[in-house]
Each structure stands twice: as structure tokens, then as C-alpha cells.
Amino acid sequence: MTKLLEKAFNRTSKLPDSSQDAIAAIILEELEDEKKGETSFANSQESLSILATKVRNEIEKGETLPFDPASRTK
């Protein structure tokens, strides 16, 4: 445990039980959000990889058109 976290726990331990529970709930919620964020990022990376493979396959099969900025509508 880092010194800062130990200091935070020591200070928190001196608070009333209801305050300790509130702080614990915040910490646990933050940890859960962090876990969800990591999972979301991994899923995004996987989705992008699948999309890139699909695009490469379409290019190889000649199923795409060349990019022409002049044909863009404003």
C-alpha cells in the first residue's frame, strides 16, 4: 500500500461509521468504473480490429471506390 493511501485510510478510520461507509462506497464505485472503462477500451480495440479486417478484405476484392475529395457535397 502506498503511503498516501495509508494516510487516507488512517484519516478515514477516525471518521464516524456513516462517513467511512460513504467514502468506501465512493472508492468501490471508482474502482468499478475503472474496470468497466478498461473492458470498454478492450472491446473498442477488438471492434476496430474487426472493422479494419473487413475493410481490407473489401479493398482486396475491389468492392470499394477510390477516395475523391472533389466529389464531396458541401
C-alpha atoms as a PDB file:
ATOM      1  CA  MET A   1       0.000   0.000   0.000  1.00  0.00           C
ATOM      2  CA  THR A   2       1.328   3.441  -0.831  1.00  0.00           C
ATOM      3  CA  LYS A   3       1.971   5.974   1.892  1.00  0.00           C
ATOM      4  CA  LEU A   4      -0.695   8.286   0.515  1.00  0.00           C
ATOM      5  CA  LEU A   5      -3.355   5.571   0.527  1.00  0.00           C
ATOM      6  CA  GLU A   6      -2.318   4.523   4.035  1.00  0.00           C
ATOM      7  CA  LYS A   7      -2.609   8.159   5.170  1.00  0.00           C
ATOM      8  CA  ALA A   8      -6.089   8.389   3.627  1.00  0.00           C
ATOM      9  CA  PHE A   9      -7.212   5.186   5.366  1.00  0.00           C
ATOM     10  CA  ASN A  10      -5.792   6.347   8.700  1.00  0.00           C
ATOM     11  CA  ARG A  11      -7.640   9.656   8.466  1.00  0.00           C
ATOM     12  CA  THR A  12     -10.814   7.953   7.288  1.00  0.00           C
ATOM     13  CA  SER A  13     -10.709   5.487  10.184  1.00  0.00           C
ATOM     14  CA  LYS A  14     -11.179   8.403  12.592  1.00  0.00           C
ATOM     15  CA  LEU A  15     -14.479   9.434  10.985  1.00  0.00           C
ATOM     16  CA  PRO A  16     -17.930   8.208  12.051  1.00  0.00           C
ATOM     17  CA  ASP A  17     -19.033   4.874  10.580  1.00  0.00           C
ATOM     18  CA  SER A  18     -21.507   6.526   8.203  1.00  0.00           C
ATOM     19  CA  SER A  19     -18.747   8.718   6.732  1.00  0.00           C
ATOM     20  CA  GLN A  20     -16.417   5.731   6.437  1.00  0.00           C
ATOM     21  CA  ASP A  21     -19.122   3.802   4.560  1.00  0.00           C
ATOM     22  CA  ALA A  22     -19.737   6.751   2.233  1.00  0.00           C
ATOM     23  CA  ILE A  23     -16.026   7.025   1.399  1.00  0.00           C
ATOM     24  CA  ALA A  24     -15.767   3.251   0.921  1.00  0.00           C
ATOM     25  CA  ALA A  25     -18.739   3.340  -1.462  1.00  0.00           C
ATOM     26  CA  ILE A  26     -17.079   6.103  -3.499  1.00  0.00           C
ATOM     27  CA  ILE A  27     -13.804   4.179  -3.724  1.00  0.00           C
ATOM     28  CA  LEU A  28     -15.552   0.961  -4.758  1.00  0.00           C
ATOM     29  CA  GLU A  29     -17.617   2.811  -7.366  1.00  0.00           C
ATOM     30  CA  GLU A  30     -14.478   4.404  -8.813  1.00  0.00           C
ATOM     31  CA  LEU A  31     -12.752   1.026  -8.992  1.00  0.00           C
ATOM     32  CA  GLU A  32     -15.752  -0.488 -10.753  1.00  0.00           C
ATOM     33  CA  ASP A  33     -15.878   2.410 -13.232  1.00  0.00           C
ATOM     34  CA  GLU A  34     -12.185   1.941 -13.934  1.00  0.00           C
ATOM     35  CA  LYS A  35     -12.736  -1.768 -14.577  1.00  0.00           C
ATOM     36  CA  LYS A  36     -15.633  -1.004 -16.937  1.00  0.00           C
ATOM     37  CA  GLY A  37     -13.503   1.548 -18.754  1.00  0.00           C
ATOM     38  CA  GLU A  38     -10.730  -0.971 -19.314  1.00  0.00           C
ATOM     39  CA  THR A  39     -13.238  -3.513 -20.622  1.00  0.00           C
ATOM     40  CA  SER A  40     -14.850  -0.910 -22.862  1.00  0.00           C
ATOM     41  CA  PHE A  41     -11.456   0.080 -24.283  1.00  0.00           C
ATOM     42  CA  ALA A  42     -10.572  -3.562 -24.967  1.00  0.00           C
ATOM     43  CA  ASN A  43     -13.922  -4.073 -26.709  1.00  0.00           C
ATOM     44  CA  SER A  44     -13.378  -0.921 -28.791  1.00  0.00           C
ATOM     45  CA  GLN A  45      -9.943  -2.133 -29.846  1.00  0.00           C
ATOM     46  CA  GLU A  46     -11.399  -5.502 -30.831  1.00  0.00           C
ATOM     47  CA  SER A  47     -14.225  -3.852 -32.782  1.00  0.00           C
ATOM     48  CA  LEU A  48     -11.771  -1.627 -34.648  1.00  0.00           C
ATOM     49  CA  SER A  49      -9.622  -4.630 -35.490  1.00  0.00           C
ATOM     50  CA  ILE A  50     -12.624  -6.486 -36.909  1.00  0.00           C
ATOM     51  CA  LEU A  51     -13.675  -3.410 -38.906  1.00  0.00           C
ATOM     52  CA  ALA A  52     -10.149  -2.951 -40.283  1.00  0.00           C
ATOM     53  CA  THR A  53     -10.045  -6.584 -41.406  1.00  0.00           C
ATOM     54  CA  LYS A  54     -13.415  -6.192 -43.125  1.00  0.00           C
ATOM     55  CA  VAL A  55     -12.249  -3.054 -44.945  1.00  0.00           C
ATOM     56  CA  ARG A  56      -9.011  -4.712 -46.051  1.00  0.00           C
ATOM     57  CA  ASN A  57     -10.992  -7.640 -47.439  1.00  0.00           C
ATOM     58  CA  GLU A  58     -13.341  -5.300 -49.337  1.00  0.00           C
ATOM     59  CA  ILE A  59     -10.375  -3.430 -50.825  1.00  0.00           C
ATOM     60  CA  GLU A  60      -8.735  -6.694 -51.905  1.00  0.00           C
ATOM     61  CA  LYS A  61     -11.973  -7.814 -53.579  1.00  0.00           C
ATOM     62  CA  GLY A  62     -12.315  -4.486 -55.400  1.00  0.00           C
ATOM     63  CA  GLU A  63     -15.545  -3.675 -53.589  1.00  0.00           C
ATOM     64  CA  THR A  64     -14.538  -0.102 -52.750  1.00  0.00           C
ATOM     65  CA  LEU A  65     -14.264   3.124 -54.699  1.00  0.00           C
ATOM     66  CA  PRO A  66     -11.230   5.403 -54.609  1.00  0.00           C
ATOM     67  CA  PHE A  67     -11.471   8.419 -52.336  1.00  0.00           C
ATOM     68  CA  ASP A  68     -12.220  11.560 -54.355  1.00  0.00           C
ATOM     69  CA  PRO A  69     -12.436  14.757 -52.251  1.00  0.00           C
ATOM     70  CA  ALA A  70     -13.775  16.644 -55.281  1.00  0.00           C
ATOM     71  CA  SER A  71     -16.939  14.532 -55.276  1.00  0.00           C
ATOM     72  CA  ARG A  72     -17.874  15.544 -51.708  1.00  0.00           C
ATOM     73  CA  THR A  73     -21.037  17.570 -51.290  1.00  0.00           C
ATOM     74  CA  LYS A  74     -20.964  20.638 -49.084  1.00  0.00           C
END
